[in-house]
Protein backbone atom coordinates (compact mmCIF):
# COMPACT_ATOMS: atom_id res chain seq x y z
CA MET A 1 0.19 0.04 -0.06
CA LYS A 2 2.70 2.49 0.75
CA PHE A 3 4.36 1.84 -2.48
CA VAL A 4 1.18 2.47 -4.27
CA ILE A 5 1.04 6.14 -2.40
CA PHE A 6 4.75 6.43 -3.16
CA LEU A 7 4.01 6.23 -7.01
CA ILE A 8 0.97 8.18 -6.81
CA ALA A 9 3.13 10.89 -5.21
CA MET A 10 5.90 10.50 -7.65
CA THR A 11 3.70 10.80 -10.83
CA ALA A 12 2.00 14.06 -9.31
CA SER A 13 5.22 15.63 -8.65
CA ALA A 14 6.70 14.76 -11.96
CA ALA A 15 3.84 16.03 -13.90
CA GLY A 16 4.16 19.19 -11.82
CA PHE A 17 7.75 19.70 -12.57
CA ALA A 18 7.38 18.73 -16.32
CA ALA A 19 4.55 21.48 -16.72
CA ALA A 20 6.71 24.16 -15.11
CA LYS A 21 9.77 23.43 -17.14
CA MET A 22 8.73 23.87 -20.68
CA PRO A 23 11.60 24.57 -23.03
CA PRO A 24 11.84 27.86 -24.47
CA GLY A 25 9.93 28.96 -27.45
CA HIS A 26 7.42 25.87 -26.50
CA PRO A 27 3.78 27.14 -27.32
CA PRO A 28 1.33 26.92 -24.27
CA VAL A 29 -0.84 24.14 -23.97
CA ASN A 30 -4.78 25.11 -23.78
CA ALA A 31 -7.31 22.48 -22.41
CA ASP A 32 -9.17 23.32 -25.57
CA GLY A 33 -6.45 23.35 -27.95
CA SER A 34 -6.87 26.95 -29.13
CA LYS A 35 -4.63 29.48 -30.26
CA ALA A 36 -6.37 32.36 -28.76
CA PRO A 37 -5.23 33.22 -25.13
CA PRO A 38 -7.36 32.09 -22.23
CA PRO A 39 -10.35 34.17 -20.93
CA SER A 40 -8.09 35.44 -18.22
CA ALA A 41 -5.56 36.97 -20.39
CA GLN A 42 -4.76 40.54 -19.61
CA LYS A 43 -5.31 43.31 -22.20
CA ALA A 44 -2.69 46.27 -22.90
CA THR A 45 -1.87 48.72 -25.16
CA VAL A 46 1.53 48.62 -27.12
CA ILE A 47 4.12 51.65 -26.31
CA ASP A 48 7.31 50.23 -27.57
CA VAL A 49 8.55 47.18 -29.45
CA ILE A 50 12.16 45.65 -29.29
CA ASN A 51 12.59 42.32 -31.54
CA VAL A 52 15.65 39.92 -30.97
CA ALA A 53 15.87 36.64 -32.66
CA GLN A 54 13.55 34.41 -30.84
CA TYR A 55 11.58 36.97 -28.65
CA THR A 56 9.66 40.11 -28.50
CA TYR A 57 10.20 42.67 -25.95
CA LEU A 58 7.08 44.99 -25.44
CA GLU A 59 6.38 47.92 -23.17
CA VAL A 60 2.69 48.21 -22.75
CA GLU A 61 0.05 50.42 -20.81
CA GLN A 62 -2.21 48.72 -18.67
CA GLU A 63 -4.68 50.84 -16.70
CA GLN A 64 -2.37 53.97 -17.23
CA GLN A 65 0.79 51.96 -15.85
CA SER A 66 3.76 51.02 -18.12
CA LEU A 67 4.83 47.27 -18.04
CA TRP A 68 7.49 45.31 -19.64
CA ILE A 69 6.50 41.86 -21.09
CA ALA A 70 8.55 39.71 -23.32
CA GLY A 71 7.30 36.48 -25.49
CA PRO A 72 7.65 34.28 -28.33
CA SER A 73 8.14 36.74 -31.46
CA VAL A 74 5.08 38.44 -32.89
CA GLU A 75 4.71 41.20 -35.31
CA VAL A 76 3.21 44.01 -33.53
CA ARG A 77 3.64 47.87 -33.74
CA LYS A 78 3.17 50.69 -31.08
CA GLY A 79 -0.12 51.50 -30.62
CA ASP A 80 -1.70 47.74 -31.22
CA VAL A 81 -3.89 46.35 -28.63
CA VAL A 82 -2.33 42.86 -27.20
CA ARG A 83 -3.66 40.09 -25.11
CA PHE A 84 -1.20 37.81 -23.01
CA ASP A 85 -1.08 35.52 -20.34
CA GLY A 86 -0.10 36.18 -16.83
CA GLY A 87 3.54 34.94 -17.11
CA VAL A 88 6.49 35.08 -14.70
CA ALA A 89 7.51 38.28 -13.23
CA MET A 90 11.49 38.80 -12.92
CA LYS A 91 12.96 41.63 -11.23
CA ASP A 92 16.49 43.17 -12.26
CA PHE A 93 16.44 40.87 -15.45
CA HIS A 94 19.60 41.62 -17.55
CA SER A 95 19.09 40.62 -21.32
CA LYS A 96 22.55 39.71 -22.55
CA THR A 97 21.38 40.10 -26.17
CA LEU A 98 20.07 43.79 -25.55
CA ASP A 99 22.76 44.38 -22.94
CA ARG A 100 19.99 45.81 -20.89
CA THR A 101 18.55 45.59 -17.65
CA PHE A 102 14.66 45.55 -17.07
CA PRO A 103 13.85 46.59 -13.44
CA SER A 104 10.70 44.32 -13.93
CA ILE A 105 9.59 42.31 -16.83
CA VAL A 106 6.92 39.63 -17.14
CA PHE A 107 7.86 36.44 -19.52
CA VAL A 108 4.71 35.47 -21.11
CA ASN A 109 3.98 32.15 -23.11
CA ARG A 110 1.79 34.08 -25.94
CA VAL A 111 1.12 37.53 -27.24
CA VAL A 112 -1.91 37.75 -29.55
CA VAL A 113 -2.29 41.01 -31.18
CA GLY A 114 -5.90 41.99 -31.51
CA GLU A 115 -7.86 45.32 -32.74
CA LYS A 116 -8.01 48.53 -31.13
C-alpha cells in the first residue's frame, strides 16, 4: 500500500515539474487546443517594441501604468492592443542580447495582437 501511495506522489510531482519546465519557445497548451489566450488573459496597449531573434520585448500600458513583457516573436506595432497570459515576473532581469537590465519584466507564453 505504501508503494502505491509513493508511486502516486511521484507521478504527481513529475507532472507538476514537467509542466513548469517547458522548453523556451514551446507553445502553451490550452485545454481546448485553441490558439487564442485564455479568457483570463490581460489586455494592454503597446508603447514600445524590441525584436530579437526568438523573442519580442514589449512595453505596454495597462490601467495607465507601464509594464515590460517578453514572449515568443510576434509582429506588433506601437499602438496595437495585445492580449497575453499572466506569465512569470522577474526583477532586475539582464538581457545579454540587448545589454539592458529591466527593473521588472514579465515573461509570457504568448502574445496575441488584437484590434483597437
